[in-house]
Amino acid sequence: MNPFERESSSIGQQGLPGKDRRTAGIGYVVIPNDQGREEFIINCYNTKTLMLKDEYGGVYRRVSCDKDRIKDVVFPQDSSKFGSIVLWVRVDYHNALVAVAILEFKNKLTDSIEENAFRLQRISNIGAVDFYGKANEPEIVLNVISKSAGKGRYSINVVNPDDTATMDVVVRGKANLTTTDSVNINTKNEFLVVVEDKKANKTNLISYKLDTGLQVKDQYGNEILTKSSGVVVKVPTNKKTYLSGESNTQPVPLGNDLNNNIKDFIGIVKDLNTLLQQIGGTDATIATSFGLTYASQLTAQIPALTLRLTTLEQSLINHLSKRTETE
């Protein structure tokens, strides 16, 4: 039987027909067969009204419903089926029906909860959302489940006119973030991660700020800075910096100290080169006066040695020209 075959002549009046003086009753939420389902449901939410079929087959349109209760209504999929069970009462003066409660179907468990708990649940043929909290644990669980690929989203927006809004999440324990794809963090100014060492009264951080660069600072006093001019590594005076390769690890000397040592070594090479050239230009008698044995053999080797020293000197000078230490 079509549920609208016995539709009451009181359609549009919200009341009970004739001598029917019932003050309360049970009805099923239904939808009409002469209007699109989505359009009808939207109108129900906007007007806070329902279409009901009572236990005797009477059908009533535009039955007023409490604005909070209508959120719990389940509408049928088509006009031949029934939705939620509704408890209605009649306002005698206006002869109007008002839906005051949503009842559960017999032997059907929905939105099941336990003592000291609450649950908000919505299920459709394409997905579900479930918000569940219980004080006895205590815990809150929020599930967003989609049956369609590419669907499913959970969003939190906190805004104000001058972009100074704040969202705080405090966990006295451990926070876990698990994803099967990627994690994207987007900020328009600064990204900061702080690890507090309360025992040592120290703050370790990782930060990146536009026009400033990256800063990494640990509990041992080590610090790495990236700037437009390059990368700066700072270590305490009693510590060393190491470069680790695939085959070995070697300490990195301080740039300025290395440059000063190289400059001193260049001076020594120059002096030694000059001295050897002077020795090579003398005769064997003068060379012997310097205490050299086999003077003629030595003077023959001096040109090759001075060439090597000259090459070393130039290599060191080239090295210095490529290094500019500003820190």
Protein backbone atom coordinates (compact mmCIF):
# COMPACT_ATOMS: atom_id res chain seq x y z
CA MET A 1 0.00 0.00 0.00
CA ASN A 2 1.24 3.47 -0.83
CA PRO A 3 1.69 5.29 2.54
CA PHE A 4 -0.19 8.31 1.17
CA GLU A 5 -3.39 6.57 0.07
CA ARG A 6 -5.09 7.58 3.32
CA GLU A 7 -3.61 11.08 3.46
CA SER A 8 -5.77 13.21 5.70
CA SER A 9 -7.97 16.00 4.39
CA SER A 10 -6.31 18.22 6.99
CA ILE A 11 -3.14 18.54 4.89
CA GLY A 12 -1.77 22.00 5.42
CA GLN A 13 -3.68 22.49 8.66
CA GLN A 14 -1.25 20.47 10.86
CA GLY A 15 -4.22 19.19 12.87
CA LEU A 16 -6.23 16.04 13.42
CA PRO A 17 -9.31 15.65 11.23
CA GLY A 18 -12.91 15.50 12.39
CA LYS A 19 -13.59 14.20 15.88
CA ASP A 20 -10.11 12.74 16.36
CA ARG A 21 -9.18 14.27 19.72
CA ARG A 22 -6.00 12.36 20.48
CA THR A 23 -3.55 14.44 22.51
CA ALA A 24 -0.45 12.45 21.56
CA GLY A 25 0.62 9.69 19.24
CA ILE A 26 3.34 7.95 17.27
CA GLY A 27 4.19 8.74 13.68
CA TYR A 28 6.76 7.78 11.06
CA VAL A 29 8.73 10.34 9.06
CA VAL A 30 7.85 10.02 5.38
CA ILE A 31 8.51 11.96 2.18
CA PRO A 32 6.05 12.75 -0.63
CA ASN A 33 5.98 10.96 -3.94
CA ASP A 34 5.37 14.14 -5.94
CA GLN A 35 8.54 16.08 -4.90
CA GLY A 36 12.26 15.47 -5.12
CA ARG A 37 13.77 13.95 -1.98
CA GLU A 38 16.68 16.39 -1.55
CA GLU A 39 14.50 19.43 -2.20
CA PHE A 40 11.89 18.24 0.30
CA ILE A 41 14.45 17.50 3.03
CA ILE A 42 16.12 20.91 2.64
CA ASN A 43 12.70 22.54 3.03
CA CYS A 44 12.07 20.48 6.18
CA TYR A 45 15.30 21.74 7.75
CA ASN A 46 14.59 25.34 6.74
CA THR A 47 11.01 25.37 8.08
CA LYS A 48 11.58 22.97 10.99
CA THR A 49 8.64 20.84 9.85
CA LEU A 50 8.13 17.15 9.06
CA MET A 51 5.72 14.97 7.14
CA LEU A 52 4.36 12.16 9.33
CA LYS A 53 2.29 9.04 8.86
CA ASP A 54 0.59 7.88 12.08
CA GLU A 55 -0.03 4.35 13.29
CA TYR A 56 -3.53 4.40 11.79
CA GLY A 57 -2.41 5.39 8.32
CA GLY A 58 -3.15 9.12 8.52
CA VAL A 59 -0.59 11.40 6.88
CA TYR A 60 0.13 14.96 8.04
CA ARG A 61 2.30 17.57 6.38
CA ARG A 62 4.13 20.46 7.98
CA VAL A 63 4.19 19.07 11.49
CA SER A 64 6.30 21.45 13.58
CA CYS A 65 9.43 19.92 15.10
CA ASP A 66 11.80 21.17 17.79
CA LYS A 67 14.87 22.75 16.15
CA ASP A 68 17.23 20.48 18.11
CA ARG A 69 15.24 17.28 17.56
CA ILE A 70 15.03 17.71 13.79
CA LYS A 71 18.81 17.22 13.66
CA ASP A 72 18.28 13.63 14.81
CA VAL A 73 15.64 12.77 12.20
CA VAL A 74 16.43 10.05 9.67
CA PHE A 75 14.55 10.54 6.40
CA PRO A 76 13.55 7.48 4.30
CA GLN A 77 15.28 6.83 1.00
CA ASP A 78 12.04 7.01 -1.00
CA SER A 79 8.30 7.58 -0.57
CA SER A 80 7.53 3.88 -0.01
CA LYS A 81 9.66 3.60 3.13
CA PHE A 82 9.60 5.02 6.64
CA GLY A 83 12.14 7.12 8.48
CA SER A 84 12.46 7.96 12.16
CA ILE A 85 9.74 7.17 14.69
CA VAL A 86 8.41 10.42 16.15
CA LEU A 87 6.39 11.15 19.29
CA TRP A 88 3.95 14.00 18.63
CA VAL A 89 1.60 15.94 20.83
CA ARG A 90 -1.41 18.06 19.90
CA VAL A 91 -1.66 21.70 20.87
CA ASP A 92 -5.36 21.84 21.66
CA TYR A 93 -6.06 25.53 21.03
CA HIS A 94 -4.55 25.45 17.54
CA ASN A 95 -5.39 21.80 16.85
CA ALA A 96 -1.77 21.55 15.66
CA LEU A 97 0.64 18.63 15.88
CA VAL A 98 4.16 19.17 17.27
CA ALA A 99 6.91 16.55 17.10
CA VAL A 100 8.64 16.51 20.49
CA ALA A 101 10.85 13.40 20.50
CA ILE A 102 12.64 10.98 18.19
CA LEU A 103 12.33 7.31 19.19
CA GLU A 104 14.48 4.35 18.19
CA PHE A 105 13.22 1.45 16.13
CA LYS A 106 12.54 -1.69 18.13
CA ASN A 107 15.59 -3.97 18.51
CA LYS A 108 17.78 -1.54 16.56
CA LEU A 109 20.96 -0.25 18.18
CA THR A 110 21.95 3.21 16.96
CA ASP A 111 24.06 5.89 18.60
CA SER A 112 24.70 3.35 21.36
CA ILE A 113 26.42 4.82 24.39
CA GLU A 114 27.18 3.90 27.97
CA GLU A 115 26.86 5.67 31.29
CA ASN A 116 28.54 9.10 31.45
CA ALA A 117 28.97 9.22 27.68
CA PHE A 118 27.59 11.00 24.64
CA ARG A 119 27.50 10.28 20.93
CA LEU A 120 26.70 12.27 17.82
CA GLN A 121 26.47 10.07 14.77
CA ARG A 122 25.30 10.51 11.20
CA ILE A 123 25.33 7.72 8.63
CA SER A 124 24.47 7.90 4.94
CA ASN A 125 24.92 5.60 1.97
CA ILE A 126 28.20 7.36 1.05
CA GLY A 127 29.84 7.79 4.47
CA ALA A 128 29.57 8.49 8.18
CA VAL A 129 30.69 10.89 10.89
CA ASP A 130 30.88 9.78 14.49
CA PHE A 131 31.69 11.98 17.50
CA TYR A 132 31.92 9.94 20.69
CA GLY A 133 32.97 10.92 24.21
CA LYS A 134 32.93 9.07 27.50
CA ALA A 135 33.95 10.20 30.96
CA ASN A 136 34.59 6.75 32.45
CA GLU A 137 37.70 6.23 30.29
CA PRO A 138 37.97 9.27 29.67
CA GLU A 139 38.36 9.85 25.92
CA ILE A 140 36.89 11.56 22.87
CA VAL A 141 36.91 9.93 19.44
CA LEU A 142 36.04 11.62 16.16
CA ASN A 143 35.67 9.49 13.03
CA VAL A 144 35.13 10.79 9.51
CA ILE A 145 34.57 7.87 7.14
CA SER A 146 33.94 8.08 3.41
CA LYS A 147 33.04 5.26 1.03
CA SER A 148 34.03 7.37 -1.99
CA ALA A 149 37.64 7.74 -3.16
CA GLY A 150 39.00 11.26 -2.83
CA LYS A 151 36.39 12.23 -0.22
CA GLY A 152 36.67 12.70 3.54
CA ARG A 153 37.86 15.86 5.29
CA TYR A 154 38.22 17.26 8.82
CA SER A 155 38.86 21.00 9.12
CA ILE A 156 39.42 23.43 12.00
CA ASN A 157 39.43 27.17 11.25
CA VAL A 158 40.37 29.83 13.81
CA VAL A 159 40.39 33.37 12.36
CA ASN A 160 40.17 37.04 13.28
CA PRO A 161 40.52 40.29 11.27
CA ASP A 162 44.22 40.95 12.02
CA ASP A 163 45.47 37.35 11.70
CA THR A 164 46.42 37.03 15.39
CA ALA A 165 44.08 34.17 16.34
CA THR A 166 45.49 31.32 18.42
CA MET A 167 44.82 27.59 18.63
CA ASP A 168 46.40 25.72 21.54
CA VAL A 169 46.77 21.96 21.82
CA VAL A 170 48.30 20.84 25.12
CA VAL A 171 49.21 17.21 25.78
CA ARG A 172 50.88 16.24 29.04
CA GLY A 173 52.34 13.12 27.53
CA LYS A 174 52.85 12.00 23.93
CA ALA A 175 51.27 13.27 20.72
CA ASN A 176 51.11 10.96 17.67
CA LEU A 177 50.56 11.98 14.06
CA THR A 178 50.18 9.16 11.55
CA THR A 179 49.53 9.54 7.83
CA THR A 180 49.67 7.14 4.89
CA ASP A 181 50.76 9.87 2.46
CA SER A 182 52.39 13.18 3.41
CA VAL A 183 52.44 15.90 6.08
CA ASN A 184 52.24 19.50 4.86
CA ILE A 185 52.90 22.48 7.18
CA ASN A 186 52.35 25.90 5.63
CA THR A 187 53.20 29.15 7.44
CA LYS A 188 53.44 32.71 6.14
CA ASN A 189 56.02 33.91 8.65
CA GLU A 190 57.85 31.64 11.10
CA PHE A 191 58.15 27.94 11.89
CA LEU A 192 59.41 27.09 15.37
CA VAL A 193 60.04 23.82 17.22
CA VAL A 194 61.16 24.14 20.85
CA VAL A 195 62.44 21.31 23.04
CA GLU A 196 62.77 22.38 26.68
CA ASP A 197 65.42 20.92 28.95
CA LYS A 198 63.99 21.97 32.32
CA LYS A 199 66.73 20.28 34.34
CA ALA A 200 69.49 22.25 32.62
CA ASN A 201 67.29 25.34 32.17
CA LYS A 202 68.06 25.31 28.44
CA THR A 203 65.94 25.66 25.35
CA ASN A 204 66.72 23.71 22.20
CA LEU A 205 65.03 24.88 19.04
CA ILE A 206 64.61 24.58 15.31
CA SER A 207 63.26 27.72 13.67
CA TYR A 208 62.87 29.18 10.23
CA LYS A 209 61.80 32.75 9.63
CA LEU A 210 61.42 34.61 6.38
CA ASP A 211 64.33 36.98 5.62
CA THR A 212 66.23 35.56 8.61
CA GLY A 213 66.92 31.93 7.71
CA LEU A 214 67.22 28.61 9.51
CA GLN A 215 68.50 28.28 13.07
CA VAL A 216 69.23 24.99 14.84
CA LYS A 217 70.40 25.13 18.45
CA ASP A 218 70.95 22.13 20.72
CA GLN A 219 71.51 21.50 24.42
CA TYR A 220 75.27 21.21 23.95
CA GLY A 221 75.72 24.78 22.77
CA ASN A 222 76.11 23.91 19.09
CA GLU A 223 74.35 26.18 16.62
CA ILE A 224 73.79 26.22 12.87
CA LEU A 225 72.63 29.35 11.05
CA THR A 226 71.76 29.76 7.39
CA LYS A 227 71.93 33.28 5.95
CA SER A 228 71.92 34.90 2.55
CA SER A 229 75.72 34.95 2.74
CA GLY A 230 76.04 31.24 3.51
CA VAL A 231 76.01 28.77 6.40
CA VAL A 232 77.49 29.49 9.83
CA VAL A 233 78.37 26.73 12.28
CA LYS A 234 79.01 27.77 15.88
CA VAL A 235 80.47 25.45 18.51
CA PRO A 236 81.71 26.03 22.07
CA THR A 237 85.43 26.85 22.37
CA ASN A 238 86.23 23.40 23.81
CA LYS A 239 84.38 21.46 21.08
CA LYS A 240 85.21 20.43 17.51
CA THR A 241 83.29 20.38 14.24
CA TYR A 242 83.46 17.23 12.11
CA LEU A 243 82.75 16.44 8.49
CA SER A 244 81.53 12.88 8.03
CA GLY A 245 81.97 11.14 4.70
CA GLU A 246 81.16 7.66 3.46
CA SER A 247 84.60 6.30 4.34
CA ASN A 248 85.82 8.41 7.26
CA THR A 249 85.16 11.28 9.64
CA GLN A 250 87.57 14.20 9.91
CA PRO A 251 87.63 17.26 12.16
CA VAL A 252 87.04 20.61 10.50
CA PRO A 253 89.50 23.35 11.64
CA LEU A 254 88.28 26.87 12.29
CA GLY A 255 88.42 28.92 9.09
CA ASN A 256 90.16 32.04 10.39
CA ASP A 257 92.77 30.06 12.34
CA LEU A 258 93.45 27.91 9.27
CA ASN A 259 93.89 30.97 7.08
CA ASN A 260 96.32 32.55 9.53
CA ASN A 261 98.35 29.32 9.68
CA ILE A 262 98.42 29.10 5.89
CA LYS A 263 99.59 32.73 5.64
CA ASP A 264 102.43 31.98 8.09
CA PHE A 265 103.36 28.85 6.13
CA ILE A 266 103.44 30.85 2.89
CA GLY A 267 105.91 33.25 4.51
CA ILE A 268 108.15 30.35 5.54
CA VAL A 269 108.00 28.85 2.02
CA LYS A 270 108.96 32.21 0.51
CA ASP A 271 111.92 32.61 2.84
CA LEU A 272 113.10 29.02 2.22
CA ASN A 273 112.70 29.41 -1.53
CA THR A 274 114.72 32.63 -1.51
CA LEU A 275 117.45 31.03 0.57
CA LEU A 276 117.74 27.98 -1.70
CA GLN A 277 117.91 30.19 -4.79
CA GLN A 278 120.76 32.13 -3.20
CA ILE A 279 122.54 28.89 -2.36
CA GLY A 280 122.05 27.56 -5.88
CA GLY A 281 123.64 30.71 -7.29
CA THR A 282 126.90 30.29 -5.42
CA ASP A 283 129.85 28.17 -6.35
CA ALA A 284 130.72 24.98 -4.56
CA THR A 285 133.24 26.71 -2.29
CA ILE A 286 130.65 29.16 -0.94
CA ALA A 287 128.09 26.34 -0.63
CA THR A 288 130.62 24.33 1.36
CA SER A 289 131.03 27.28 3.76
CA PHE A 290 127.36 26.77 4.77
CA GLY A 291 128.32 23.32 6.07
CA LEU A 292 126.77 21.40 3.16
CA THR A 293 128.38 18.14 2.02
CA TYR A 294 128.35 17.05 -1.57
CA ALA A 295 127.71 20.66 -2.52
CA SER A 296 127.85 20.11 -6.25
CA GLN A 297 125.16 17.39 -6.06
CA LEU A 298 122.97 19.56 -3.82
CA THR A 299 123.14 22.61 -6.05
CA ALA A 300 122.03 20.43 -8.96
CA GLN A 301 118.81 19.50 -7.07
CA ILE A 302 117.99 23.02 -5.89
CA PRO A 303 116.17 24.20 -9.12
CA ALA A 304 113.69 21.29 -8.96
CA LEU A 305 113.09 21.86 -5.23
CA THR A 306 112.55 25.60 -5.65
CA LEU A 307 110.05 24.88 -8.46
CA ARG A 308 108.05 22.62 -6.13
CA LEU A 309 108.09 25.24 -3.39
CA THR A 310 106.95 27.91 -5.84
CA THR A 311 104.05 25.68 -6.96
CA LEU A 312 103.05 25.01 -3.32
CA GLU A 313 103.19 28.72 -2.54
CA GLN A 314 100.89 29.55 -5.44
CA SER A 315 98.42 26.79 -4.48
CA LEU A 316 98.19 28.14 -0.94
CA ILE A 317 97.66 31.67 -2.23
CA ASN A 318 94.87 30.42 -4.52
CA HIS A 319 93.26 28.61 -1.58
CA LEU A 320 93.22 31.78 0.48
CA SER A 321 91.68 33.78 -2.35
CA LYS A 322 88.71 31.40 -2.42
CA ARG A 323 87.98 31.64 1.33
CA THR A 324 86.29 34.66 2.85
CA GLU A 325 85.50 34.42 6.53
CA THR A 326 83.09 37.09 7.78
CA GLU A 327 81.91 35.45 10.99
